PDB file of N, CA and C in Angstrom:
ATOM      1  N   UNK A   1      17.532  14.880 -21.677  1.00  0.00           N
ATOM      2  CA  UNK A   1      16.628  14.342 -20.633  1.00  0.00           C
ATOM      3  C   UNK A   1      15.231  14.938 -20.771  1.00  0.00           C
ATOM      4  N   UNK A   2      15.174  16.241 -20.730  1.00  0.00           N
ATOM      5  CA  UNK A   2      13.842  16.883 -20.788  1.00  0.00           C
ATOM      6  C   UNK A   2      13.220  16.655 -22.180  1.00  0.00           C
ATOM      7  N   UNK A   3      14.043  16.803 -23.192  1.00  0.00           N
ATOM      8  CA  UNK A   3      13.518  16.647 -24.563  1.00  0.00           C
ATOM      9  C   UNK A   3      13.038  15.196 -24.768  1.00  0.00           C
ATOM     10  N   UNK A   4      13.827  14.251 -24.279  1.00  0.00           N
ATOM     11  CA  UNK A   4      13.459  12.836 -24.447  1.00  0.00           C
ATOM     12  C   UNK A   4      12.178  12.511 -23.681  1.00  0.00           C
ATOM     13  N   UNK A   5      12.077  13.002 -22.461  1.00  0.00           N
ATOM     14  CA  UNK A   5      10.896  12.693 -21.644  1.00  0.00           C
ATOM     15  C   UNK A   5       9.634  13.285 -22.289  1.00  0.00           C
ATOM     16  N   UNK A   6       9.747  14.557 -22.681  1.00  0.00           N
ATOM     17  CA  UNK A   6       8.576  15.225 -23.282  1.00  0.00           C
ATOM     18  C   UNK A   6       8.165  14.486 -24.559  1.00  0.00           C
ATOM     19  N   UNK A   7       9.167  14.080 -25.313  1.00  0.00           N
ATOM     20  CA  UNK A   7       8.865  13.400 -26.590  1.00  0.00           C
ATOM     21  C   UNK A   7       8.175  12.050 -26.313  1.00  0.00           C
ATOM     22  N   UNK A   8       8.658  11.354 -25.311  1.00  0.00           N
ATOM     23  CA  UNK A   8       8.091  10.028 -25.008  1.00  0.00           C
ATOM     24  C   UNK A   8       6.758  10.173 -24.251  1.00  0.00           C
ATOM     25  N   UNK A   9       6.698  11.175 -23.406  1.00  0.00           N
ATOM     26  CA  UNK A   9       5.482  11.388 -22.603  1.00  0.00           C
ATOM     27  C   UNK A   9       4.405  12.072 -23.450  1.00  0.00           C
ATOM     28  N   UNK A  10       4.815  12.919 -24.353  1.00  0.00           N
ATOM     29  CA  UNK A  10       3.841  13.642 -25.188  1.00  0.00           C
ATOM     30  C   UNK A  10       2.867  12.694 -25.878  1.00  0.00           C
ATOM     31  N   UNK A  11       3.357  11.849 -26.737  1.00  0.00           N
ATOM     32  CA  UNK A  11       2.480  10.923 -27.480  1.00  0.00           C
ATOM     33  C   UNK A  11       1.863   9.876 -26.557  1.00  0.00           C
ATOM     34  N   UNK A  12       2.590   9.520 -25.526  1.00  0.00           N
ATOM     35  CA  UNK A  12       2.068   8.477 -24.604  1.00  0.00           C
ATOM     36  C   UNK A  12       0.894   9.049 -23.802  1.00  0.00           C
ATOM     37  N   UNK A  13       1.071  10.244 -23.290  1.00  0.00           N
ATOM     38  CA  UNK A  13      -0.009  10.859 -22.489  1.00  0.00           C
ATOM     39  C   UNK A  13      -1.240  11.062 -23.361  1.00  0.00           C
ATOM     40  N   UNK A  14      -0.991  11.450 -24.599  1.00  0.00           N
ATOM     41  CA  UNK A  14      -2.121  11.700 -25.524  1.00  0.00           C
ATOM     42  C   UNK A  14      -2.867  10.386 -25.769  1.00  0.00           C
ATOM     43  N   UNK A  15      -2.118   9.327 -25.945  1.00  0.00           N
ATOM     44  CA  UNK A  15      -2.761   8.017 -26.214  1.00  0.00           C
ATOM     45  C   UNK A  15      -3.515   7.553 -24.962  1.00  0.00           C
ATOM     46  N   UNK A  16      -2.876   7.731 -23.818  1.00  0.00           N
ATOM     47  CA  UNK A  16      -3.511   7.306 -22.551  1.00  0.00           C
ATOM     48  C   UNK A  16      -4.793   8.107 -22.315  1.00  0.00           C
ATOM     49  N   UNK A  17      -4.726   9.401 -22.621  1.00  0.00           N
ATOM     50  CA  UNK A  17      -5.900  10.277 -22.401  1.00  0.00           C
ATOM     51  C   UNK A  17      -7.036   9.817 -23.319  1.00  0.00           C
ATOM     52  N   UNK A  18      -6.690   9.522 -24.556  1.00  0.00           N
ATOM     53  CA  UNK A  18      -7.718   9.103 -25.534  1.00  0.00           C
ATOM     54  C   UNK A  18      -8.297   7.742 -25.117  1.00  0.00           C
ATOM     55  N   UNK A  19      -7.446   6.850 -24.677  1.00  0.00           N
ATOM     56  CA  UNK A  19      -7.912   5.508 -24.271  1.00  0.00           C
ATOM     57  C   UNK A  19      -8.743   5.610 -22.994  1.00  0.00           C
ATOM     58  N   UNK A  20      -8.338   6.495 -22.121  1.00  0.00           N
ATOM     59  CA  UNK A  20      -9.067   6.654 -20.844  1.00  0.00           C
ATOM     60  C   UNK A  20     -10.447   7.276 -21.098  1.00  0.00           C
ATOM     61  N   UNK A  21     -10.495   8.171 -22.061  1.00  0.00           N
ATOM     62  CA  UNK A  21     -11.773   8.838 -22.363  1.00  0.00           C
ATOM     63  C   UNK A  21     -12.737   7.861 -23.020  1.00  0.00           C
ATOM     64  N   UNK A  22     -12.190   6.937 -23.786  1.00  0.00           N
ATOM     65  CA  UNK A  22     -13.063   5.971 -24.492  1.00  0.00           C
ATOM     66  C   UNK A  22     -13.808   5.073 -23.498  1.00  0.00           C
ATOM     67  N   UNK A  23     -13.087   4.436 -22.570  1.00  0.00           N
ATOM     68  CA  UNK A  23     -13.733   3.553 -21.591  1.00  0.00           C
ATOM     69  C   UNK A  23     -14.655   4.328 -20.644  1.00  0.00           C
ATOM     70  N   UNK A  24     -14.282   5.533 -20.325  1.00  0.00           N
ATOM     71  CA  UNK A  24     -15.096   6.355 -19.403  1.00  0.00           C
ATOM     72  C   UNK A  24     -16.459   6.638 -20.021  1.00  0.00           C
ATOM     73  N   UNK A  25     -16.449   7.036 -21.286  1.00  0.00           N
ATOM     74  CA  UNK A  25     -17.726   7.356 -21.952  1.00  0.00           C
ATOM     75  C   UNK A  25     -18.562   6.086 -22.106  1.00  0.00           C
ATOM     76  N   UNK A  26     -17.903   4.973 -22.374  1.00  0.00           N
ATOM     77  CA  UNK A  26     -18.638   3.712 -22.573  1.00  0.00           C
ATOM     78  C   UNK A  26     -19.145   3.176 -21.226  1.00  0.00           C
ATOM     79  N   UNK A  27     -18.474   3.515 -20.161  1.00  0.00           N
ATOM     80  CA  UNK A  27     -18.888   3.010 -18.836  1.00  0.00           C
ATOM     81  C   UNK A  27     -20.099   3.805 -18.327  1.00  0.00           C
ATOM     82  N   UNK A  28     -20.152   5.055 -18.675  1.00  0.00           N
ATOM     83  CA  UNK A  28     -21.262   5.893 -18.168  1.00  0.00           C
ATOM     84  C   UNK A  28     -22.626   5.295 -18.534  1.00  0.00           C
ATOM     85  N   UNK A  29     -22.816   4.948 -19.805  1.00  0.00           N
ATOM     86  CA  UNK A  29     -24.112   4.423 -20.253  1.00  0.00           C
ATOM     87  C   UNK A  29     -24.338   2.985 -19.755  1.00  0.00           C
ATOM     88  N   UNK A  30     -23.277   2.353 -19.323  1.00  0.00           N
ATOM     89  CA  UNK A  30     -23.407   0.959 -18.843  1.00  0.00           C
ATOM     90  C   UNK A  30     -24.187   0.931 -17.523  1.00  0.00           C
ATOM     91  N   UNK A  31     -25.253   0.186 -17.453  1.00  0.00           N
ATOM     92  CA  UNK A  31     -26.066   0.103 -16.231  1.00  0.00           C
ATOM     93  C   UNK A  31     -25.453  -0.866 -15.221  1.00  0.00           C
ATOM     94  N   UNK A  32     -24.646  -1.787 -15.691  1.00  0.00           N
ATOM     95  CA  UNK A  32     -24.051  -2.787 -14.779  1.00  0.00           C
ATOM     96  C   UNK A  32     -22.947  -2.132 -13.950  1.00  0.00           C
ATOM     97  N   UNK A  33     -22.232  -1.202 -14.546  1.00  0.00           N
ATOM     98  CA  UNK A  33     -21.125  -0.562 -13.814  1.00  0.00           C
ATOM     99  C   UNK A  33     -21.653   0.531 -12.871  1.00  0.00           C
ATOM    100  N   UNK A  34     -22.810   1.025 -13.181  1.00  0.00           N
ATOM    101  CA  UNK A  34     -23.347   2.152 -12.363  1.00  0.00           C
ATOM    102  C   UNK A  34     -23.721   1.654 -10.962  1.00  0.00           C
ATOM    103  N   UNK A  35     -24.421   0.589 -10.838  1.00  0.00           N
ATOM    104  CA  UNK A  35     -24.828   0.101  -9.503  1.00  0.00           C
ATOM    105  C   UNK A  35     -23.610  -0.333  -8.678  1.00  0.00           C
ATOM    106  N   UNK A  36     -22.635  -0.881  -9.350  1.00  0.00           N
ATOM    107  CA  UNK A  36     -21.420  -1.328  -8.644  1.00  0.00           C
ATOM    108  C   UNK A  36     -20.734  -0.126  -7.996  1.00  0.00           C
ATOM    109  N   UNK A  37     -20.674   0.961  -8.731  1.00  0.00           N
ATOM    110  CA  UNK A  37     -19.989   2.159  -8.219  1.00  0.00           C
ATOM    111  C   UNK A  37     -20.856   2.843  -7.157  1.00  0.00           C
ATOM    112  N   UNK A  38     -22.154   2.835  -7.376  1.00  0.00           N
ATOM    113  CA  UNK A  38     -23.065   3.510  -6.440  1.00  0.00           C
ATOM    114  C   UNK A  38     -23.055   2.760  -5.107  1.00  0.00           C
ATOM    115  N   UNK A  39     -22.969   1.444  -5.180  1.00  0.00           N
ATOM    116  CA  UNK A  39     -22.957   0.651  -3.952  1.00  0.00           C
ATOM    117  C   UNK A  39     -21.752   1.072  -3.134  1.00  0.00           C
TER     118      UNK A  39
END
């Protein structure tokens, strides 16, 4: 159970973290998303 979860969550969390970081960095420079969030 623990070994299976860690094995499945390990690579999945890493991929999710990398994918989440990519859109976050690309959204920061985006001027269209900035006003929407500021509003």
